[in-house]
């Protein structure tokens, strides 16, 4: 089946599942701090961040970091 993406097993244990997705994808200028507080308590935070880095997720709070913060961790092409 084309276009089907399987969610990694760690996602079922993610604490963010208990909260509104809007918290992790705040609007322009809104704070990521509420999402970061949830991430700090999450048992799968490292796996979440690794997933976001591997897939170059551009938006949202993943593993406690914003898209801009994650991009700063990625190696630059060149």
C-alpha atoms as a PDB file:
ATOM      1  CA  UNK A   1       0.000   0.000   0.000  1.00  0.00           C
ATOM      2  CA  UNK A   2       1.580   3.280  -1.083  1.00  0.00           C
ATOM      3  CA  UNK A   3       1.639   6.312   1.170  1.00  0.00           C
ATOM      4  CA  UNK A   4       1.139   4.384   4.406  1.00  0.00           C
ATOM      5  CA  UNK A   5       3.489   5.444   7.172  1.00  0.00           C
ATOM      6  CA  UNK A   6       3.752   3.256  10.232  1.00  0.00           C
ATOM      7  CA  UNK A   7       4.086   5.027  13.516  1.00  0.00           C
ATOM      8  CA  UNK A   8       7.125   3.952  15.506  1.00  0.00           C
ATOM      9  CA  UNK A   9       6.328   1.813  18.565  1.00  0.00           C
ATOM     10  CA  UNK A  10       7.651   4.454  20.963  1.00  0.00           C
ATOM     11  CA  UNK A  11       4.843   6.831  19.948  1.00  0.00           C
ATOM     12  CA  UNK A  12       2.274   4.820  21.907  1.00  0.00           C
ATOM     13  CA  UNK A  13       4.213   5.674  25.086  1.00  0.00           C
ATOM     14  CA  UNK A  14       4.606   9.377  24.295  1.00  0.00           C
ATOM     15  CA  UNK A  15       3.223  11.619  27.011  1.00  0.00           C
ATOM     16  CA  UNK A  16       2.093  14.172  24.417  1.00  0.00           C
ATOM     17  CA  UNK A  17      -0.705  11.800  23.390  1.00  0.00           C
ATOM     18  CA  UNK A  18      -2.526  12.926  26.535  1.00  0.00           C
ATOM     19  CA  UNK A  19      -2.526  16.591  25.456  1.00  0.00           C
ATOM     20  CA  UNK A  20      -3.907  18.732  22.660  1.00  0.00           C
ATOM     21  CA  UNK A  21      -1.787  18.686  19.515  1.00  0.00           C
ATOM     22  CA  UNK A  22      -2.086  22.473  19.407  1.00  0.00           C
ATOM     23  CA  UNK A  23       0.241  22.652  22.412  1.00  0.00           C
ATOM     24  CA  UNK A  24       3.022  21.047  20.363  1.00  0.00           C
ATOM     25  CA  UNK A  25       2.322  23.037  17.201  1.00  0.00           C
ATOM     26  CA  UNK A  26       1.659  26.545  18.559  1.00  0.00           C
ATOM     27  CA  UNK A  27       0.850  29.420  16.264  1.00  0.00           C
ATOM     28  CA  UNK A  28       3.372  32.026  15.183  1.00  0.00           C
ATOM     29  CA  UNK A  29       4.823  33.836  18.161  1.00  0.00           C
ATOM     30  CA  UNK A  30       3.257  31.466  20.704  1.00  0.00           C
ATOM     31  CA  UNK A  31       5.420  29.808  23.332  1.00  0.00           C
ATOM     32  CA  UNK A  32       6.720  26.246  23.142  1.00  0.00           C
ATOM     33  CA  UNK A  33       7.235  26.236  26.913  1.00  0.00           C
ATOM     34  CA  UNK A  34       4.031  24.307  27.814  1.00  0.00           C
ATOM     35  CA  UNK A  35       5.041  21.580  25.340  1.00  0.00           C
ATOM     36  CA  UNK A  36       8.623  21.559  26.630  1.00  0.00           C
ATOM     37  CA  UNK A  37       7.351  20.952  30.161  1.00  0.00           C
ATOM     38  CA  UNK A  38       5.474  17.864  28.965  1.00  0.00           C
ATOM     39  CA  UNK A  39       8.533  16.680  27.030  1.00  0.00           C
ATOM     40  CA  UNK A  40      10.753  16.997  30.109  1.00  0.00           C
ATOM     41  CA  UNK A  41       8.626  14.356  31.850  1.00  0.00           C
ATOM     42  CA  UNK A  42       8.293  12.049  28.832  1.00  0.00           C
ATOM     43  CA  UNK A  43       9.988   8.646  28.894  1.00  0.00           C
ATOM     44  CA  UNK A  44      10.442   8.552  25.104  1.00  0.00           C
ATOM     45  CA  UNK A  45      11.824  12.069  24.670  1.00  0.00           C
ATOM     46  CA  UNK A  46      15.137  10.915  23.186  1.00  0.00           C
ATOM     47  CA  UNK A  47      13.446   8.622  20.653  1.00  0.00           C
ATOM     48  CA  UNK A  48      11.079  11.434  19.707  1.00  0.00           C
ATOM     49  CA  UNK A  49      13.921  13.877  19.119  1.00  0.00           C
ATOM     50  CA  UNK A  50      15.896  11.293  17.139  1.00  0.00           C
ATOM     51  CA  UNK A  51      12.850  10.634  14.940  1.00  0.00           C
ATOM     52  CA  UNK A  52      12.328  14.348  14.290  1.00  0.00           C
ATOM     53  CA  UNK A  53      15.991  14.835  13.394  1.00  0.00           C
ATOM     54  CA  UNK A  54      16.072  11.772  11.152  1.00  0.00           C
ATOM     55  CA  UNK A  55      12.954  12.886   9.274  1.00  0.00           C
ATOM     56  CA  UNK A  56      13.869  16.578   9.392  1.00  0.00           C
ATOM     57  CA  UNK A  57      10.475  17.484  10.871  1.00  0.00           C
ATOM     58  CA  UNK A  58      10.203  21.214  10.146  1.00  0.00           C
ATOM     59  CA  UNK A  59       7.496  22.161  12.630  1.00  0.00           C
ATOM     60  CA  UNK A  60       6.306  21.522  16.143  1.00  0.00           C
ATOM     61  CA  UNK A  61       7.918  20.567  19.403  1.00  0.00           C
ATOM     62  CA  UNK A  62       9.583  17.143  19.168  1.00  0.00           C
ATOM     63  CA  UNK A  63      11.732  15.868  22.006  1.00  0.00           C
ATOM     64  CA  UNK A  64      11.480  19.272  23.667  1.00  0.00           C
ATOM     65  CA  UNK A  65      12.976  21.248  20.781  1.00  0.00           C
ATOM     66  CA  UNK A  66      11.386  23.568  18.233  1.00  0.00           C
ATOM     67  CA  UNK A  67      11.960  23.181  14.505  1.00  0.00           C
ATOM     68  CA  UNK A  68      14.501  25.995  14.554  1.00  0.00           C
ATOM     69  CA  UNK A  69      16.406  24.366  17.414  1.00  0.00           C
ATOM     70  CA  UNK A  70      16.408  21.004  15.631  1.00  0.00           C
ATOM     71  CA  UNK A  71      17.643  22.532  12.369  1.00  0.00           C
ATOM     72  CA  UNK A  72      20.606  23.994  14.279  1.00  0.00           C
ATOM     73  CA  UNK A  73      21.581  20.425  15.284  1.00  0.00           C
ATOM     74  CA  UNK A  74      21.557  19.070  11.720  1.00  0.00           C
ATOM     75  CA  UNK A  75      24.795  19.002   9.744  1.00  0.00           C
ATOM     76  CA  UNK A  76      24.919  21.626   7.038  1.00  0.00           C
ATOM     77  CA  UNK A  77      25.325  20.499   3.435  1.00  0.00           C
ATOM     78  CA  UNK A  78      28.384  21.810   1.749  1.00  0.00           C
END
